[in-house]
Amino acid sequence: QVQLVESGGGLVQPGGSLRLSCVVSRSIFSFYLMGWYRQAPGKERESVAYITSGGSTDYADSVKGRFTISRDNAKNTIYLQMNNLKPEDTAVYYCNARSTSINSWGQGTQVTVSS
């Protein structure tokens, strides 16, 4: 069993920045895909960004140029740097890790963008 623990959420004003962290309970080398998803009230969960084991990344169109996903294999951690935040970025953000036999989720961290 794998545990993923997110942190770094909070309340921020429009235009501000936050960095989310996701610590995994085991080595992340075995996960071919790790990513961040978000779910706003009344909406379906959507993919925000992902990073492969080889370091390739991709982003939702709505966050391109503002968010950056990265991974630190030594710390078993992935990050989501979020800049120029907008009210529409308000959601619960979830970390996800996938291997051939595992598809695990964290408990989520709330991000609220409001003045």
PDB file of N, CA and C in Angstrom:
ATOM      1  N   GLN A   1       0.840  -1.193   0.000  1.00  0.00           N
ATOM      2  CA  GLN A   1       0.000   0.000   0.000  1.00  0.00           C
ATOM      3  C   GLN A   1       0.874   1.241   0.000  1.00  0.00           C
ATOM      4  N   VAL A   2       0.437   2.231  -0.719  1.00  0.00           N
ATOM      5  CA  VAL A   2       1.199   3.463  -0.867  1.00  0.00           C
ATOM      6  C   VAL A   2       0.388   4.620  -0.298  1.00  0.00           C
ATOM      7  N   GLN A   3       1.049   5.456   0.486  1.00  0.00           N
ATOM      8  CA  GLN A   3       0.400   6.664   0.998  1.00  0.00           C
ATOM      9  C   GLN A   3       0.988   7.890   0.325  1.00  0.00           C
ATOM     10  N   LEU A   4       0.112   8.800  -0.027  1.00  0.00           N
ATOM     11  CA  LEU A   4       0.508  10.078  -0.595  1.00  0.00           C
ATOM     12  C   LEU A   4      -0.060  11.176   0.298  1.00  0.00           C
ATOM     13  N   VAL A   5       0.798  12.101   0.704  1.00  0.00           N
ATOM     14  CA  VAL A   5       0.365  13.166   1.604  1.00  0.00           C
ATOM     15  C   VAL A   5       0.675  14.515   0.974  1.00  0.00           C
ATOM     16  N   GLU A   6      -0.384  15.263   0.672  1.00  0.00           N
ATOM     17  CA  GLU A   6      -0.228  16.595   0.099  1.00  0.00           C
ATOM     18  C   GLU A   6      -0.138  17.648   1.196  1.00  0.00           C
ATOM     19  N   SER A   7       0.520  18.731   0.881  1.00  0.00           N
ATOM     20  CA  SER A   7       0.577  19.888   1.775  1.00  0.00           C
ATOM     21  C   SER A   7       0.859  21.125   0.935  1.00  0.00           C
ATOM     22  N   GLY A   8       0.703  22.290   1.574  1.00  0.00           N
ATOM     23  CA  GLY A   8       1.046  23.538   0.908  1.00  0.00           C
ATOM     24  C   GLY A   8      -0.141  24.370   0.449  1.00  0.00           C
ATOM     25  N   GLY A   9      -1.343  23.828   0.596  1.00  0.00           N
ATOM     26  CA  GLY A   9      -2.509  24.605   0.204  1.00  0.00           C
ATOM     27  C   GLY A   9      -2.776  25.738   1.182  1.00  0.00           C
ATOM     28  N   GLY A  10      -3.741  26.577   0.808  1.00  0.00           N
ATOM     29  CA  GLY A  10      -4.091  27.689   1.683  1.00  0.00           C
ATOM     30  C   GLY A  10      -4.877  28.746   0.952  1.00  0.00           C
ATOM     31  N   LEU A  11      -5.009  29.887   1.607  1.00  0.00           N
ATOM     32  CA  LEU A  11      -5.718  31.038   1.034  1.00  0.00           C
ATOM     33  C   LEU A  11      -4.696  32.026   0.481  1.00  0.00           C
ATOM     34  N   VAL A  12      -4.897  32.436  -0.758  1.00  0.00           N
ATOM     35  CA  VAL A  12      -3.972  33.362  -1.394  1.00  0.00           C
ATOM     36  C   VAL A  12      -4.769  34.345  -2.245  1.00  0.00           C
ATOM     37  N   GLN A  13      -4.246  35.549  -2.377  1.00  0.00           N
ATOM     38  CA  GLN A  13      -4.911  36.557  -3.196  1.00  0.00           C
ATOM     39  C   GLN A  13      -4.646  36.303  -4.676  1.00  0.00           C
ATOM     40  N   PRO A  14      -5.541  36.776  -5.539  1.00  0.00           N
ATOM     41  CA  PRO A  14      -5.281  36.655  -6.982  1.00  0.00           C
ATOM     42  C   PRO A  14      -3.921  37.255  -7.341  1.00  0.00           C
ATOM     43  N   GLY A  15      -3.204  36.537  -8.198  1.00  0.00           N
ATOM     44  CA  GLY A  15      -1.855  36.950  -8.570  1.00  0.00           C
ATOM     45  C   GLY A  15      -0.775  36.374  -7.691  1.00  0.00           C
ATOM     46  N   GLY A  16      -1.163  35.747  -6.605  1.00  0.00           N
ATOM     47  CA  GLY A  16      -0.193  35.179  -5.679  1.00  0.00           C
ATOM     48  C   GLY A  16       0.304  33.810  -6.108  1.00  0.00           C
ATOM     49  N   SER A  17       1.148  33.225  -5.251  1.00  0.00           N
ATOM     50  CA  SER A  17       1.785  31.942  -5.554  1.00  0.00           C
ATOM     51  C   SER A  17       1.649  30.987  -4.380  1.00  0.00           C
ATOM     52  N   LEU A  18       1.637  29.710  -4.703  1.00  0.00           N
ATOM     53  CA  LEU A  18       1.706  28.639  -3.715  1.00  0.00           C
ATOM     54  C   LEU A  18       2.524  27.501  -4.298  1.00  0.00           C
ATOM     55  N   ARG A  19       3.141  26.721  -3.422  1.00  0.00           N
ATOM     56  CA  ARG A  19       3.821  25.514  -3.864  1.00  0.00           C
ATOM     57  C   ARG A  19       3.244  24.326  -3.096  1.00  0.00           C
ATOM     58  N   LEU A  20       2.667  23.405  -3.840  1.00  0.00           N
ATOM     59  CA  LEU A  20       2.132  22.182  -3.244  1.00  0.00           C
ATOM     60  C   LEU A  20       3.211  21.100  -3.250  1.00  0.00           C
ATOM     61  N   SER A  21       3.199  20.278  -2.208  1.00  0.00           N
ATOM     62  CA  SER A  21       4.108  19.143  -2.117  1.00  0.00           C
ATOM     63  C   SER A  21       3.302  17.864  -1.932  1.00  0.00           C
ATOM     64  N   CYS A  22       3.822  16.775  -2.456  1.00  0.00           N
ATOM     65  CA  CYS A  22       3.203  15.463  -2.280  1.00  0.00           C
ATOM     66  C   CYS A  22       4.312  14.481  -1.921  1.00  0.00           C
ATOM     67  N   VAL A  23       4.306  14.037  -0.680  1.00  0.00           N
ATOM     68  CA  VAL A  23       5.301  13.087  -0.207  1.00  0.00           C
ATOM     69  C   VAL A  23       4.723  11.675  -0.309  1.00  0.00           C
ATOM     70  N   VAL A  24       5.489  10.790  -0.904  1.00  0.00           N
ATOM     71  CA  VAL A  24       5.064   9.405  -1.128  1.00  0.00           C
ATOM     72  C   VAL A  24       5.792   8.494  -0.150  1.00  0.00           C
ATOM     73  N   SER A  25       5.095   7.462   0.307  1.00  0.00           N
ATOM     74  CA  SER A  25       5.631   6.613   1.379  1.00  0.00           C
ATOM     75  C   SER A  25       6.658   5.592   0.895  1.00  0.00           C
ATOM     76  N   ARG A  26       6.935   5.570  -0.380  1.00  0.00           N
ATOM     77  CA  ARG A  26       7.935   4.663  -0.922  1.00  0.00           C
ATOM     78  C   ARG A  26       8.625   5.337  -2.096  1.00  0.00           C
ATOM     79  N   SER A  27       9.651   4.694  -2.609  1.00  0.00           N
ATOM     80  CA  SER A  27      10.380   5.256  -3.726  1.00  0.00           C
ATOM     81  C   SER A  27       9.455   5.522  -4.908  1.00  0.00           C
ATOM     82  N   ILE A  28       9.633   6.694  -5.521  1.00  0.00           N
ATOM     83  CA  ILE A  28       8.773   7.044  -6.657  1.00  0.00           C
ATOM     84  C   ILE A  28       9.363   6.599  -7.984  1.00  0.00           C
ATOM     85  N   PHE A  29      10.490   5.903  -7.950  1.00  0.00           N
ATOM     86  CA  PHE A  29      11.086   5.430  -9.198  1.00  0.00           C
ATOM     87  C   PHE A  29      10.158   4.493  -9.956  1.00  0.00           C
ATOM     88  N   SER A  30       9.337   3.744  -9.195  1.00  0.00           N
ATOM     89  CA  SER A  30       8.499   2.722  -9.829  1.00  0.00           C
ATOM     90  C   SER A  30       7.239   3.284 -10.467  1.00  0.00           C
ATOM     91  N   PHE A  31       6.966   4.565 -10.255  1.00  0.00           N
ATOM     92  CA  PHE A  31       5.742   5.154 -10.809  1.00  0.00           C
ATOM     93  C   PHE A  31       6.045   5.779 -12.157  1.00  0.00           C
ATOM     94  N   TYR A  32       5.396   5.271 -13.194  1.00  0.00           N
ATOM     95  CA  TYR A  32       5.674   5.801 -14.523  1.00  0.00           C
ATOM     96  C   TYR A  32       4.996   7.139 -14.748  1.00  0.00           C
ATOM     97  N   LEU A  33       4.014   7.443 -13.911  1.00  0.00           N
ATOM     98  CA  LEU A  33       3.292   8.700 -14.079  1.00  0.00           C
ATOM     99  C   LEU A  33       2.879   9.225 -12.714  1.00  0.00           C
ATOM    100  N   MET A  34       3.171  10.492 -12.471  1.00  0.00           N
ATOM    101  CA  MET A  34       2.698  11.143 -11.256  1.00  0.00           C
ATOM    102  C   MET A  34       2.091  12.481 -11.653  1.00  0.00           C
ATOM    103  N   GLY A  35       1.024  12.831 -10.962  1.00  0.00           N
ATOM    104  CA  GLY A  35       0.362  14.054 -11.382  1.00  0.00           C
ATOM    105  C   GLY A  35      -0.438  14.739 -10.306  1.00  0.00           C
ATOM    106  N   TRP A  36      -0.916  15.899 -10.670  1.00  0.00           N
ATOM    107  CA  TRP A  36      -1.799  16.699  -9.824  1.00  0.00           C
ATOM    108  C   TRP A  36      -3.145  16.838 -10.527  1.00  0.00           C
ATOM    109  N   TYR A  37      -4.193  16.663  -9.752  1.00  0.00           N
ATOM    110  CA  TYR A  37      -5.561  16.856 -10.207  1.00  0.00           C
ATOM    111  C   TYR A  37      -6.223  17.855  -9.271  1.00  0.00           C
ATOM    112  N   ARG A  38      -7.345  18.399  -9.713  1.00  0.00           N
ATOM    113  CA  ARG A  38      -8.103  19.281  -8.834  1.00  0.00           C
ATOM    114  C   ARG A  38      -9.595  19.087  -9.053  1.00  0.00           C
ATOM    115  N   GLN A  39     -10.334  19.400  -8.003  1.00  0.00           N
ATOM    116  CA  GLN A  39     -11.785  19.304  -8.067  1.00  0.00           C
ATOM    117  C   GLN A  39     -12.394  20.505  -7.373  1.00  0.00           C
ATOM    118  N   ALA A  40     -13.109  21.296  -8.149  1.00  0.00           N
ATOM    119  CA  ALA A  40     -13.810  22.454  -7.604  1.00  0.00           C
ATOM    120  C   ALA A  40     -15.231  22.035  -7.207  1.00  0.00           C
ATOM    121  N   PRO A  41     -15.862  22.774  -6.312  1.00  0.00           N
ATOM    122  CA  PRO A  41     -17.222  22.421  -5.885  1.00  0.00           C
ATOM    123  C   PRO A  41     -18.182  22.310  -7.064  1.00  0.00           C
ATOM    124  N   GLY A  42     -18.899  21.202  -7.125  1.00  0.00           N
ATOM    125  CA  GLY A  42     -19.873  20.994  -8.182  1.00  0.00           C
ATOM    126  C   GLY A  42     -19.301  20.598  -9.526  1.00  0.00           C
ATOM    127  N   LYS A  43     -17.993  20.390  -9.572  1.00  0.00           N
ATOM    128  CA  LYS A  43     -17.353  20.028 -10.837  1.00  0.00           C
ATOM    129  C   LYS A  43     -16.645  18.689 -10.710  1.00  0.00           C
ATOM    130  N   GLU A  44     -16.344  18.086 -11.862  1.00  0.00           N
ATOM    131  CA  GLU A  44     -15.622  16.832 -11.871  1.00  0.00           C
ATOM    132  C   GLU A  44     -14.127  17.073 -11.631  1.00  0.00           C
ATOM    133  N   ARG A  45     -13.464  16.039 -11.145  1.00  0.00           N
ATOM    134  CA  ARG A  45     -12.028  16.122 -10.968  1.00  0.00           C
ATOM    135  C   ARG A  45     -11.357  16.225 -12.336  1.00  0.00           C
ATOM    136  N   GLU A  46     -10.372  17.111 -12.439  1.00  0.00           N
ATOM    137  CA  GLU A  46      -9.681  17.306 -13.705  1.00  0.00           C
ATOM    138  C   GLU A  46      -8.174  17.229 -13.521  1.00  0.00           C
ATOM    139  N   SER A  47      -7.508  16.816 -14.586  1.00  0.00           N
ATOM    140  CA  SER A  47      -6.055  16.762 -14.559  1.00  0.00           C
ATOM    141  C   SER A  47      -5.485  18.169 -14.682  1.00  0.00           C
ATOM    142  N   VAL A  48      -4.488  18.455 -13.877  1.00  0.00           N
ATOM    143  CA  VAL A  48      -3.817  19.756 -13.908  1.00  0.00           C
ATOM    144  C   VAL A  48      -2.452  19.639 -14.567  1.00  0.00           C
ATOM    145  N   ALA A  49      -1.670  18.670 -14.126  1.00  0.00           N
ATOM    146  CA  ALA A  49      -0.319  18.495 -14.646  1.00  0.00           C
ATOM    147  C   ALA A  49       0.149  17.088 -14.329  1.00  0.00           C
ATOM    148  N   TYR A  50       1.050  16.579 -15.189  1.00  0.00           N
ATOM    149  CA  TYR A  50       1.657  15.296 -14.868  1.00  0.00           C
ATOM    150  C   TYR A  50       3.112  15.303 -15.270  1.00  0.00           C
ATOM    151  N   ILE A  51       3.856  14.366 -14.670  1.00  0.00           N
ATOM    152  CA  ILE A  51       5.266  14.200 -14.974  1.00  0.00           C
ATOM    153  C   ILE A  51       5.548  12.710 -15.054  1.00  0.00           C
ATOM    154  N   THR A  52       6.291  12.309 -16.074  1.00  0.00           N
ATOM    155  CA  THR A  52       6.613  10.901 -16.239  1.00  0.00           C
ATOM    156  C   THR A  52       7.900  10.548 -15.499  1.00  0.00           C
ATOM    157  N   SER A  53       8.194   9.255 -15.444  1.00  0.00           N
ATOM    158  CA  SER A  53       9.430   8.823 -14.797  1.00  0.00           C
ATOM    159  C   SER A  53      10.653   9.345 -15.539  1.00  0.00           C
ATOM    160  N   GLY A  54      10.489   9.643 -16.815  1.00  0.00           N
ATOM    161  CA  GLY A  54      11.592  10.194 -17.594  1.00  0.00           C
ATOM    162  C   GLY A  54      11.705  11.703 -17.517  1.00  0.00           C
ATOM    163  N   GLY A  55      10.745  12.326 -16.822  1.00  0.00           N
ATOM    164  CA  GLY A  55      10.812  13.770 -16.639  1.00  0.00           C
ATOM    165  C   GLY A  55       9.977  14.588 -17.612  1.00  0.00           C
ATOM    166  N   SER A  56       9.283  13.929 -18.521  1.00  0.00           N
ATOM    167  CA  SER A  56       8.404  14.667 -19.429  1.00  0.00           C
ATOM    168  C   SER A  56       7.201  15.198 -18.666  1.00  0.00           C
ATOM    169  N   THR A  57       6.752  16.379 -19.065  1.00  0.00           N
ATOM    170  CA  THR A  57       5.625  17.005 -18.371  1.00  0.00           C
ATOM    171  C   THR A  57       4.551  17.444 -19.362  1.00  0.00           C
ATOM    172  N   ASP A  58       3.362  17.606 -18.832  1.00  0.00           N
ATOM    173  CA  ASP A  58       2.279  18.168 -19.626  1.00  0.00           C
ATOM    174  C   ASP A  58       1.316  18.865 -18.670  1.00  0.00           C
ATOM    175  N   TYR A  59       0.583  19.844 -19.224  1.00  0.00           N
ATOM    176  CA  TYR A  59      -0.276  20.674 -18.388  1.00  0.00           C
ATOM    177  C   TYR A  59      -1.633  20.890 -19.046  1.00  0.00           C
ATOM    178  N   ALA A  60      -2.626  21.122 -18.222  1.00  0.00           N
ATOM    179  CA  ALA A  60      -3.911  21.562 -18.737  1.00  0.00           C
ATOM    180  C   ALA A  60      -3.728  22.945 -19.363  1.00  0.00           C
ATOM    181  N   ASP A  61      -4.487  23.221 -20.402  1.00  0.00           N
ATOM    182  CA  ASP A  61      -4.358  24.507 -21.085  1.00  0.00           C
ATOM    183  C   ASP A  61      -4.581  25.674 -20.121  1.00  0.00           C
ATOM    184  N   SER A  62      -5.455  25.485 -19.163  1.00  0.00           N
ATOM    185  CA  SER A  62      -5.816  26.571 -18.246  1.00  0.00           C
ATOM    186  C   SER A  62      -4.689  26.979 -17.311  1.00  0.00           C
ATOM    187  N   VAL A  63      -3.662  26.131 -17.169  1.00  0.00           N
ATOM    188  CA  VAL A  63      -2.574  26.449 -16.237  1.00  0.00           C
ATOM    189  C   VAL A  63      -1.219  26.579 -16.916  1.00  0.00           C
ATOM    190  N   LYS A  64      -1.165  26.339 -18.210  1.00  0.00           N
ATOM    191  CA  LYS A  64       0.109  26.433 -18.921  1.00  0.00           C
ATOM    192  C   LYS A  64       0.704  27.824 -18.773  1.00  0.00           C
ATOM    193  N   GLY A  65       2.002  27.839 -18.481  1.00  0.00           N
ATOM    194  CA  GLY A  65       2.684  29.104 -18.311  1.00  0.00           C
ATOM    195  C   GLY A  65       2.601  29.657 -16.897  1.00  0.00           C
ATOM    196  N   ARG A  66       1.748  29.059 -16.067  1.00  0.00           N
ATOM    197  CA  ARG A  66       1.594  29.535 -14.685  1.00  0.00           C
ATOM    198  C   ARG A  66       2.015  28.477 -13.661  1.00  0.00           C
ATOM    199  N   PHE A  67       1.774  27.210 -13.971  1.00  0.00           N
ATOM    200  CA  PHE A  67       2.087  26.115 -13.048  1.00  0.00           C
ATOM    201  C   PHE A  67       3.282  25.322 -13.561  1.00  0.00           C
ATOM    202  N   THR A  68       4.057  24.784 -12.626  1.00  0.00           N
ATOM    203  CA  THR A  68       5.196  23.931 -12.962  1.00  0.00           C
ATOM    204  C   THR A  68       5.208  22.714 -12.057  1.00  0.00           C
ATOM    205  N   ILE A  69       5.236  21.546 -12.655  1.00  0.00           N
ATOM    206  CA  ILE A  69       5.330  20.306 -11.886  1.00  0.00           C
ATOM    207  C   ILE A  69       6.782  19.831 -11.910  1.00  0.00           C
ATOM    208  N   SER A  70       7.228  19.281 -10.786  1.00  0.00           N
ATOM    209  CA  SER A  70       8.590  18.754 -10.709  1.00  0.00           C
ATOM    210  C   SER A  70       8.613  17.594  -9.734  1.00  0.00           C
ATOM    211  N   ARG A  71       9.710  16.843  -9.765  1.00  0.00           N
ATOM    212  CA  ARG A  71       9.833  15.705  -8.867  1.00  0.00           C
ATOM    213  C   ARG A  71      11.242  15.652  -8.301  1.00  0.00           C
ATOM    214  N   ASP A  72      11.338  15.215  -7.060  1.00  0.00           N
ATOM    215  CA  ASP A  72      12.616  15.007  -6.395  1.00  0.00           C
ATOM    216  C   ASP A  72      12.650  13.541  -5.969  1.00  0.00           C
ATOM    217  N   ASN A  73      13.313  12.718  -6.778  1.00  0.00           N
ATOM    218  CA  ASN A  73      13.312  11.282  -6.504  1.00  0.00           C
ATOM    219  C   ASN A  73      13.965  10.959  -5.159  1.00  0.00           C
ATOM    220  N   ALA A  74      14.965  11.724  -4.779  1.00  0.00           N
ATOM    221  CA  ALA A  74      15.666  11.454  -3.520  1.00  0.00           C
ATOM    222  C   ALA A  74      14.761  11.672  -2.308  1.00  0.00           C
ATOM    223  N   LYS A  75      13.793  12.571  -2.458  1.00  0.00           N
ATOM    224  CA  LYS A  75      12.888  12.887  -1.352  1.00  0.00           C
ATOM    225  C   LYS A  75      11.524  12.230  -1.520  1.00  0.00           C
ATOM    226  N   ASN A  76      11.364  11.426  -2.580  1.00  0.00           N
ATOM    227  CA  ASN A  76      10.077  10.780  -2.850  1.00  0.00           C
ATOM    228  C   ASN A  76       8.939  11.797  -2.870  1.00  0.00           C
ATOM    229  N   THR A  77       9.175  12.893  -3.529  1.00  0.00           N
ATOM    230  CA  THR A  77       8.247  14.020  -3.483  1.00  0.00           C
ATOM    231  C   THR A  77       8.045  14.613  -4.872  1.00  0.00           C
ATOM    232  N   ILE A  78       6.808  15.007  -5.153  1.00  0.00           N
ATOM    233  CA  ILE A  78       6.559  15.834  -6.323  1.00  0.00           C
ATOM    234  C   ILE A  78       5.983  17.163  -5.866  1.00  0.00           C
ATOM    235  N   TYR A  79       6.157  18.163  -6.696  1.00  0.00           N
ATOM    236  CA  TYR A  79       5.752  19.519  -6.353  1.00  0.00           C
ATOM    237  C   TYR A  79       4.878  20.104  -7.458  1.00  0.00           C
ATOM    238  N   LEU A  80       4.100  21.087  -7.073  1.00  0.00           N
ATOM    239  CA  LEU A  80       3.373  21.880  -8.058  1.00  0.00           C
ATOM    240  C   LEU A  80       3.545  23.340  -7.666  1.00  0.00           C
ATOM    241  N   GLN A  81       4.369  24.046  -8.422  1.00  0.00           N
ATOM    242  CA  GLN A  81       4.550  25.480  -8.211  1.00  0.00           C
ATOM    243  C   GLN A  81       3.459  26.208  -8.989  1.00  0.00           C
ATOM    244  N   MET A  82       2.673  26.993  -8.278  1.00  0.00           N
ATOM    245  CA  MET A  82       1.546  27.687  -8.886  1.00  0.00           C
ATOM    246  C   MET A  82       1.756  29.181  -8.751  1.00  0.00           C
ATOM    247  N   ASN A  83       1.890  29.858  -9.876  1.00  0.00           N
ATOM    248  CA  ASN A  83       2.087  31.303  -9.908  1.00  0.00           C
ATOM    249  C   ASN A  83       0.907  31.986 -10.576  1.00  0.00           C
ATOM    250  N   ASN A  84       0.794  33.272 -10.332  1.00  0.00           N
ATOM    251  CA  ASN A  84      -0.285  34.069 -10.926  1.00  0.00           C
ATOM    252  C   ASN A  84      -1.642  33.385 -10.757  1.00  0.00           C
ATOM    253  N   LEU A  85      -1.916  33.007  -9.535  1.00  0.00           N
ATOM    254  CA  LEU A  85      -3.155  32.270  -9.261  1.00  0.00           C
ATOM    255  C   LEU A  85      -4.384  33.126  -9.531  1.00  0.00           C
ATOM    256  N   LYS A  86      -5.431  32.448  -9.986  1.00  0.00           N
ATOM    257  CA  LYS A  86      -6.689  33.091 -10.327  1.00  0.00           C
ATOM    258  C   LYS A  86      -7.815  32.490  -9.474  1.00  0.00           C
ATOM    259  N   PRO A  87      -8.897  33.221  -9.296  1.00  0.00           N
ATOM    260  CA  PRO A  87     -10.022  32.661  -8.517  1.00  0.00           C
ATOM    261  C   PRO A  87     -10.506  31.321  -9.058  1.00  0.00           C
ATOM    262  N   GLU A  88     -10.425  31.132 -10.358  1.00  0.00           N
ATOM    263  CA  GLU A  88     -10.882  29.868 -10.947  1.00  0.00           C
ATOM    264  C   GLU A  88      -9.956  28.691 -10.658  1.00  0.00           C
ATOM    265  N   ASP A  89      -8.815  28.963 -10.032  1.00  0.00           N
ATOM    266  CA  ASP A  89      -7.921  27.889  -9.591  1.00  0.00           C
ATOM    267  C   ASP A  89      -8.359  27.316  -8.239  1.00  0.00           C
ATOM    268  N   THR A  90      -9.334  27.919  -7.624  1.00  0.00           N
ATOM    269  CA  THR A  90      -9.826  27.441  -6.331  1.00  0.00           C
ATOM    270  C   THR A  90     -10.383  26.028  -6.460  1.00  0.00           C
ATOM    271  N   ALA A  91      -9.854  25.115  -5.649  1.00  0.00           N
ATOM    272  CA  ALA A  91     -10.245  23.709  -5.713  1.00  0.00           C
ATOM    273  C   ALA A  91      -9.491  22.934  -4.640  1.00  0.00           C
ATOM    274  N   VAL A  92      -9.879  21.682  -4.487  1.00  0.00           N
ATOM    275  CA  VAL A  92      -9.068  20.736  -3.718  1.00  0.00           C
ATOM    276  C   VAL A  92      -8.111  20.082  -4.715  1.00  0.00           C
ATOM    277  N   TYR A  93      -6.829  20.116  -4.380  1.00  0.00           N
ATOM    278  CA  TYR A  93      -5.802  19.564  -5.253  1.00  0.00           C
ATOM    279  C   TYR A  93      -5.355  18.203  -4.717  1.00  0.00           C
ATOM    280  N   TYR A  94      -5.314  17.228  -5.626  1.00  0.00           N
ATOM    281  CA  TYR A  94      -4.965  15.862  -5.266  1.00  0.00           C
ATOM    282  C   TYR A  94      -3.716  15.412  -6.013  1.00  0.00           C
ATOM    283  N   CYS A  95      -2.916  14.643  -5.334  1.00  0.00           N
ATOM    284  CA  CYS A  95      -1.736  14.020  -5.911  1.00  0.00           C
ATOM    285  C   CYS A  95      -2.090  12.596  -6.324  1.00  0.00           C
ATOM    286  N   ASN A  96      -1.520  12.140  -7.423  1.00  0.00           N
ATOM    287  CA  ASN A  96      -1.785  10.795  -7.934  1.00  0.00           C
ATOM    288  C   ASN A  96      -0.491  10.141  -8.370  1.00  0.00           C
ATOM    289  N   ALA A  97      -0.378   8.834  -8.092  1.00  0.00           N
ATOM    290  CA  ALA A  97       0.799   8.072  -8.501  1.00  0.00           C
ATOM    291  C   ALA A  97       0.349   6.781  -9.166  1.00  0.00           C
ATOM    292  N   ARG A  98       0.956   6.477 -10.332  1.00  0.00           N
ATOM    293  CA  ARG A  98       0.542   5.284 -11.066  1.00  0.00           C
ATOM    294  C   ARG A  98       1.738   4.428 -11.446  1.00  0.00           C
ATOM    295  N   SER A  99       1.539   3.113 -11.259  1.00  0.00           N
ATOM    296  CA  SER A  99       2.474   2.133 -11.785  1.00  0.00           C
ATOM    297  C   SER A  99       1.631   1.083 -12.493  1.00  0.00           C
ATOM    298  N   THR A 100       2.241  -0.021 -12.888  1.00  0.00           N
ATOM    299  CA  THR A 100       1.479  -1.067 -13.576  1.00  0.00           C
ATOM    300  C   THR A 100       0.440  -1.706 -12.656  1.00  0.00           C
ATOM    301  N   SER A 101       0.651  -1.615 -11.337  1.00  0.00           N
ATOM    302  CA  SER A 101      -0.266  -2.277 -10.406  1.00  0.00           C
ATOM    303  C   SER A 101      -0.879  -1.334  -9.381  1.00  0.00           C
ATOM    304  N   ILE A 102      -0.521  -0.062  -9.430  1.00  0.00           N
ATOM    305  CA  ILE A 102      -0.962   0.881  -8.411  1.00  0.00           C
ATOM    306  C   ILE A 102      -1.539   2.126  -9.057  1.00  0.00           C
ATOM    307  N   ASN A 103      -2.626   2.613  -8.468  1.00  0.00           N
ATOM    308  CA  ASN A 103      -3.188   3.907  -8.843  1.00  0.00           C
ATOM    309  C   ASN A 103      -3.655   4.542  -7.539  1.00  0.00           C
ATOM    310  N   SER A 104      -2.772   5.323  -6.906  1.00  0.00           N
ATOM    311  CA  SER A 104      -3.019   5.838  -5.563  1.00  0.00           C
ATOM    312  C   SER A 104      -3.248   7.335  -5.555  1.00  0.00           C
ATOM    313  N   TRP A 105      -4.077   7.768  -4.590  1.00  0.00           N
ATOM    314  CA  TRP A 105      -4.428   9.180  -4.443  1.00  0.00           C
ATOM    315  C   TRP A 105      -4.129   9.652  -3.026  1.00  0.00           C
ATOM    316  N   GLY A 106      -3.796  10.923  -2.925  1.00  0.00           N
ATOM    317  CA  GLY A 106      -3.682  11.542  -1.618  1.00  0.00           C
ATOM    318  C   GLY A 106      -5.040  12.012  -1.146  1.00  0.00           C
ATOM    319  N   GLN A 107      -5.043  12.634   0.038  1.00  0.00           N
ATOM    320  CA  GLN A 107      -6.302  13.062   0.638  1.00  0.00           C
ATOM    321  C   GLN A 107      -6.741  14.436   0.163  1.00  0.00           C
ATOM    322  N   GLY A 108      -5.852  15.155  -0.496  1.00  0.00           N
ATOM    323  CA  GLY A 108      -6.173  16.459  -1.044  1.00  0.00           C
ATOM    324  C   GLY A 108      -5.772  17.608  -0.140  1.00  0.00           C
ATOM    325  N   THR A 109      -5.522  18.751  -0.761  1.00  0.00           N
ATOM    326  CA  THR A 109      -5.223  19.979  -0.036  1.00  0.00           C
ATOM    327  C   THR A 109      -6.003  21.119  -0.682  1.00  0.00           C
ATOM    328  N   GLN A 110      -6.610  21.944   0.153  1.00  0.00           N
ATOM    329  CA  GLN A 110      -7.487  23.002  -0.353  1.00  0.00           C
ATOM    330  C   GLN A 110      -6.671  24.218  -0.779  1.00  0.00           C
ATOM    331  N   VAL A 111      -6.961  24.711  -1.966  1.00  0.00           N
ATOM    332  CA  VAL A 111      -6.391  25.965  -2.459  1.00  0.00           C
ATOM    333  C   VAL A 111      -7.548  26.921  -2.713  1.00  0.00           C
ATOM    334  N   THR A 112      -7.499  28.080  -2.074  1.00  0.00           N
ATOM    335  CA  THR A 112      -8.529  29.091  -2.254  1.00  0.00           C
ATOM    336  C   THR A 112      -7.879  30.391  -2.701  1.00  0.00           C
ATOM    337  N   VAL A 113      -8.326  30.886  -3.838  1.00  0.00           N
ATOM    338  CA  VAL A 113      -7.792  32.132  -4.390  1.00  0.00           C
ATOM    339  C   VAL A 113      -8.897  33.185  -4.303  1.00  0.00           C
ATOM    340  N   SER A 114      -8.686  34.151  -3.441  1.00  0.00           N
ATOM    341  CA  SER A 114      -9.734  35.134  -3.198  1.00  0.00           C
ATOM    342  C   SER A 114      -9.125  36.396  -2.607  1.00  0.00           C
ATOM    343  N   SER A 115      -9.738  37.527  -2.929  1.00  0.00           N
ATOM    344  CA  SER A 115      -9.304  38.786  -2.335  1.00  0.00           C
ATOM    345  C   SER A 115     -10.145  39.109  -1.105  1.00  0.00           C
TER     346      SER A 115
END
